[in-house]
C-alpha atoms as a PDB file:
ATOM      1  CA  UNK A   1      71.749  49.516 122.951  1.00  0.00           C
ATOM      2  CA  UNK A   2      75.435  50.251 123.692  1.00  0.00           C
ATOM      3  CA  UNK A   3      76.352  51.955 126.960  1.00  0.00           C
ATOM      4  CA  UNK A   4      76.783  55.754 126.933  1.00  0.00           C
ATOM      5  CA  UNK A   5      80.337  56.998 127.356  1.00  0.00           C
ATOM      6  CA  UNK A   6      81.603  60.332 128.697  1.00  0.00           C
ATOM      7  CA  UNK A   7      84.623  60.252 126.375  1.00  0.00           C
ATOM      8  CA  UNK A   8      84.812  63.090 123.859  1.00  0.00           C
ATOM      9  CA  UNK A   9      83.438  62.206 120.447  1.00  0.00           C
ATOM     10  CA  UNK A  10      86.775  61.786 118.707  1.00  0.00           C
ATOM     11  CA  UNK A  11      86.926  59.220 115.936  1.00  0.00           C
ATOM     12  CA  UNK A  12      83.189  58.520 115.947  1.00  0.00           C
ATOM     13  CA  UNK A  13      81.056  56.663 113.458  1.00  0.00           C
ATOM     14  CA  UNK A  14      77.301  57.002 113.078  1.00  0.00           C
ATOM     15  CA  UNK A  15      74.830  54.138 113.238  1.00  0.00           C
ATOM     16  CA  UNK A  16      71.512  54.514 111.411  1.00  0.00           C
ATOM     17  CA  UNK A  17      68.277  52.690 112.196  1.00  0.00           C
ATOM     18  CA  UNK A  18      65.178  53.471 110.089  1.00  0.00           C
ATOM     19  CA  UNK A  19      61.922  51.884 111.268  1.00  0.00           C
ATOM     20  CA  UNK A  20      63.772  49.008 112.919  1.00  0.00           C
ATOM     21  CA  UNK A  21      65.976  48.519 109.804  1.00  0.00           C
ATOM     22  CA  UNK A  22      69.613  48.657 110.898  1.00  0.00           C
ATOM     23  CA  UNK A  23      71.381  50.249 107.929  1.00  0.00           C
ATOM     24  CA  UNK A  24      74.848  49.995 109.460  1.00  0.00           C
ATOM     25  CA  UNK A  25      77.511  52.555 110.319  1.00  0.00           C
ATOM     26  CA  UNK A  26      78.536  55.658 108.413  1.00  0.00           C
ATOM     27  CA  UNK A  27      81.740  57.681 108.667  1.00  0.00           C
ATOM     28  CA  UNK A  28      80.237  61.171 108.253  1.00  0.00           C
ATOM     29  CA  UNK A  29      76.942  62.738 109.270  1.00  0.00           C
ATOM     30  CA  UNK A  30      76.035  66.262 108.138  1.00  0.00           C
ATOM     31  CA  UNK A  31      72.875  68.287 108.644  1.00  0.00           C
ATOM     32  CA  UNK A  32      71.847  67.671 112.251  1.00  0.00           C
ATOM     33  CA  UNK A  33      70.498  71.190 112.628  1.00  0.00           C
ATOM     34  CA  UNK A  34      67.410  73.326 112.799  1.00  0.00           C
ATOM     35  CA  UNK A  35      66.710  76.961 112.074  1.00  0.00           C
ATOM     36  CA  UNK A  36      63.841  79.081 113.343  1.00  0.00           C
ATOM     37  CA  UNK A  37      62.652  81.719 110.905  1.00  0.00           C
ATOM     38  CA  UNK A  38      62.362  85.090 112.602  1.00  0.00           C
ATOM     39  CA  UNK A  39      59.838  87.670 111.493  1.00  0.00           C
ATOM     40  CA  UNK A  40      60.670  91.271 112.333  1.00  0.00           C
ATOM     41  CA  UNK A  41      57.806  93.635 113.206  1.00  0.00           C
ATOM     42  CA  UNK A  42      58.210  97.328 113.804  1.00  0.00           C
ATOM     43  CA  UNK A  43      55.805  98.882 116.266  1.00  0.00           C
ATOM     44  CA  UNK A  44      54.648 102.419 115.574  1.00  0.00           C
ATOM     45  CA  UNK A  45      55.947 104.859 118.207  1.00  0.00           C
ATOM     46  CA  UNK A  46      58.492 102.352 119.550  1.00  0.00           C
ATOM     47  CA  UNK A  47      61.989 103.358 118.435  1.00  0.00           C
ATOM     48  CA  UNK A  48      63.854 101.254 121.011  1.00  0.00           C
ATOM     49  CA  UNK A  49      63.677  97.846 119.306  1.00  0.00           C
ATOM     50  CA  UNK A  50      62.108  95.769 116.566  1.00  0.00           C
ATOM     51  CA  UNK A  51      59.964  92.824 117.668  1.00  0.00           C
ATOM     52  CA  UNK A  52      61.550  89.456 116.809  1.00  0.00           C
ATOM     53  CA  UNK A  53      58.721  86.932 116.368  1.00  0.00           C
ATOM     54  CA  UNK A  54      59.424  83.223 115.968  1.00  0.00           C
ATOM     55  CA  UNK A  55      58.107  81.609 112.792  1.00  0.00           C
ATOM     56  CA  UNK A  56      58.501  78.196 111.211  1.00  0.00           C
ATOM     57  CA  UNK A  57      61.149  75.693 112.162  1.00  0.00           C
ATOM     58  CA  UNK A  58      63.248  74.447 109.248  1.00  0.00           C
ATOM     59  CA  UNK A  59      65.219  71.212 109.469  1.00  0.00           C
ATOM     60  CA  UNK A  60      68.192  70.678 107.188  1.00  0.00           C
ATOM     61  CA  UNK A  61      68.461  67.449 105.183  1.00  0.00           C
ATOM     62  CA  UNK A  62      70.800  64.914 106.761  1.00  0.00           C
ATOM     63  CA  UNK A  63      73.545  63.339 104.680  1.00  0.00           C
ATOM     64  CA  UNK A  64      75.426  60.208 105.746  1.00  0.00           C
ATOM     65  CA  UNK A  65      78.498  58.932 103.889  1.00  0.00           C
ATOM     66  CA  UNK A  66      80.624  55.795 104.199  1.00  0.00           C
ATOM     67  CA  UNK A  67      82.949  53.583 102.211  1.00  0.00           C
ATOM     68  CA  UNK A  68      81.106  50.857 100.323  1.00  0.00           C
ATOM     69  CA  UNK A  69      81.072  47.738 102.514  1.00  0.00           C
ATOM     70  CA  UNK A  70      78.884  44.777 103.465  1.00  0.00           C
ATOM     71  CA  UNK A  71      76.295  47.164 105.015  1.00  0.00           C
ATOM     72  CA  UNK A  72      75.750  48.776 101.597  1.00  0.00           C
ATOM     73  CA  UNK A  73      73.447  45.884 100.719  1.00  0.00           C
ATOM     74  CA  UNK A  74      71.201  46.868 103.666  1.00  0.00           C
ATOM     75  CA  UNK A  75      70.588  50.306 102.167  1.00  0.00           C
ATOM     76  CA  UNK A  76      69.905  48.894  98.703  1.00  0.00           C
ATOM     77  CA  UNK A  77      67.494  46.363 100.200  1.00  0.00           C
ATOM     78  CA  UNK A  78      65.692  49.061 102.204  1.00  0.00           C
ATOM     79  CA  UNK A  79      65.356  51.287  99.126  1.00  0.00           C
ATOM     80  CA  UNK A  80      64.125  48.357  97.009  1.00  0.00           C
ATOM     81  CA  UNK A  81      61.518  47.430  99.657  1.00  0.00           C
ATOM     82  CA  UNK A  82      59.703  50.726  99.022  1.00  0.00           C
ATOM     83  CA  UNK A  83      58.466  49.520  95.604  1.00  0.00           C
ATOM     84  CA  UNK A  84      58.065  53.110  94.433  1.00  0.00           C
ATOM     85  CA  UNK A  85      55.899  54.058  97.420  1.00  0.00           C
ATOM     86  CA  UNK A  86      57.491  56.596  99.745  1.00  0.00           C
ATOM     87  CA  UNK A  87      56.188  56.688 103.297  1.00  0.00           C
ATOM     88  CA  UNK A  88      57.468  58.644 106.271  1.00  0.00           C
ATOM     89  CA  UNK A  89      59.304  56.737 108.957  1.00  0.00           C
ATOM     90  CA  UNK A  90      61.229  57.291 112.170  1.00  0.00           C
ATOM     91  CA  UNK A  91      64.990  57.116 112.492  1.00  0.00           C
ATOM     92  CA  UNK A  92      67.708  57.069 115.107  1.00  0.00           C
ATOM     93  CA  UNK A  93      71.229  58.245 114.446  1.00  0.00           C
ATOM     94  CA  UNK A  94      73.754  57.154 117.064  1.00  0.00           C
ATOM     95  CA  UNK A  95      77.279  58.540 117.374  1.00  0.00           C
ATOM     96  CA  UNK A  96      79.626  55.783 118.551  1.00  0.00           C
ATOM     97  CA  UNK A  97      83.296  55.486 119.374  1.00  0.00           C
ATOM     98  CA  UNK A  98      85.493  53.112 117.390  1.00  0.00           C
ATOM     99  CA  UNK A  99      84.843  50.341 119.928  1.00  0.00           C
ATOM    100  CA  UNK A 100      81.039  50.732 119.706  1.00  0.00           C
ATOM    101  CA  UNK A 101      80.328  52.813 122.831  1.00  0.00           C
ATOM    102  CA  UNK A 102      77.430  55.224 122.352  1.00  0.00           C
ATOM    103  CA  UNK A 103      78.348  58.910 122.640  1.00  0.00           C
ATOM    104  CA  UNK A 104      75.005  60.502 121.694  1.00  0.00           C
ATOM    105  CA  UNK A 105      71.871  59.785 119.687  1.00  0.00           C
ATOM    106  CA  UNK A 106      69.209  61.726 117.820  1.00  0.00           C
ATOM    107  CA  UNK A 107      65.676  60.523 117.096  1.00  0.00           C
ATOM    108  CA  UNK A 108      63.958  61.832 113.970  1.00  0.00           C
ATOM    109  CA  UNK A 109      60.344  61.801 112.794  1.00  0.00           C
ATOM    110  CA  UNK A 110      58.833  62.077 109.332  1.00  0.00           C
ATOM    111  CA  UNK A 111      61.915  60.725 107.595  1.00  0.00           C
ATOM    112  CA  UNK A 112      61.838  60.280 103.802  1.00  0.00           C
ATOM    113  CA  UNK A 113      64.730  59.436 101.501  1.00  0.00           C
ATOM    114  CA  UNK A 114      65.830  62.269  99.225  1.00  0.00           C
ATOM    115  CA  UNK A 115      68.860  60.824  97.484  1.00  0.00           C
ATOM    116  CA  UNK A 116      71.140  57.808  97.432  1.00  0.00           C
ATOM    117  CA  UNK A 117      74.381  58.015  95.518  1.00  0.00           C
ATOM    118  CA  UNK A 118      76.502  54.988  94.880  1.00  0.00           C
ATOM    119  CA  UNK A 119      80.219  54.912  94.248  1.00  0.00           C
ATOM    120  CA  UNK A 120      81.966  56.396  91.238  1.00  0.00           C
ATOM    121  CA  UNK A 121      84.718  54.258  89.786  1.00  0.00           C
ATOM    122  CA  UNK A 122      87.782  55.564  88.002  1.00  0.00           C
ATOM    123  CA  UNK A 123      90.746  53.289  87.288  1.00  0.00           C
ATOM    124  CA  UNK A 124      93.040  56.328  86.949  1.00  0.00           C
ATOM    125  CA  UNK A 125      92.248  57.591  90.444  1.00  0.00           C
ATOM    126  CA  UNK A 126      92.624  54.926  93.120  1.00  0.00           C
ATOM    127  CA  UNK A 127      90.339  56.237  95.862  1.00  0.00           C
ATOM    128  CA  UNK A 128      87.931  54.620  98.283  1.00  0.00           C
ATOM    129  CA  UNK A 129      84.499  53.904  96.792  1.00  0.00           C
ATOM    130  CA  UNK A 130      81.848  55.659  98.888  1.00  0.00           C
ATOM    131  CA  UNK A 131      78.078  55.836  99.070  1.00  0.00           C
ATOM    132  CA  UNK A 132      75.908  58.681 100.330  1.00  0.00           C
ATOM    133  CA  UNK A 133      72.378  58.607 101.747  1.00  0.00           C
ATOM    134  CA  UNK A 134      70.424  61.854 102.115  1.00  0.00           C
ATOM    135  CA  UNK A 135      67.034  62.205 103.761  1.00  0.00           C
ATOM    136  CA  UNK A 136      64.621  64.900 104.911  1.00  0.00           C
ATOM    137  CA  UNK A 137      62.736  64.885 108.208  1.00  0.00           C
ATOM    138  CA  UNK A 138      60.129  66.775 110.220  1.00  0.00           C
ATOM    139  CA  UNK A 139      62.091  67.154 113.425  1.00  0.00           C
ATOM    140  CA  UNK A 140      63.676  65.585 116.451  1.00  0.00           C
ATOM    141  CA  UNK A 141      62.075  63.372 119.097  1.00  0.00           C
ATOM    142  CA  UNK A 142      63.199  62.542 122.623  1.00  0.00           C
END
């Protein structure tokens, strides 16, 4: 595991490991968040406030994107290894500087793939071919 750096996370990339499968580095990572549903209850005779009761925790799907590269084969191989059987796994997303120093990491449980999107090609629009991997999870671990 790379050493942790105190440098600000400028110009980071994100490494993804799913159940010991290193799927390579991604350029963007969206969805590292949680939301707690709040239920409001009014108490008879109490006009000072409304009770705010915590409810379920909702975790947003995480989406990772990168240009198509040699690591793209790792994702295709991992998806093909499922043979149509989806099982929950654990994952670790690591934010790294350009030279590979670890800035931060997030462990996830109950990870299942939601969507993989390969590149779109258009000869009239010369842009970088990208791939996107989206997955759902049941929460963060230490």
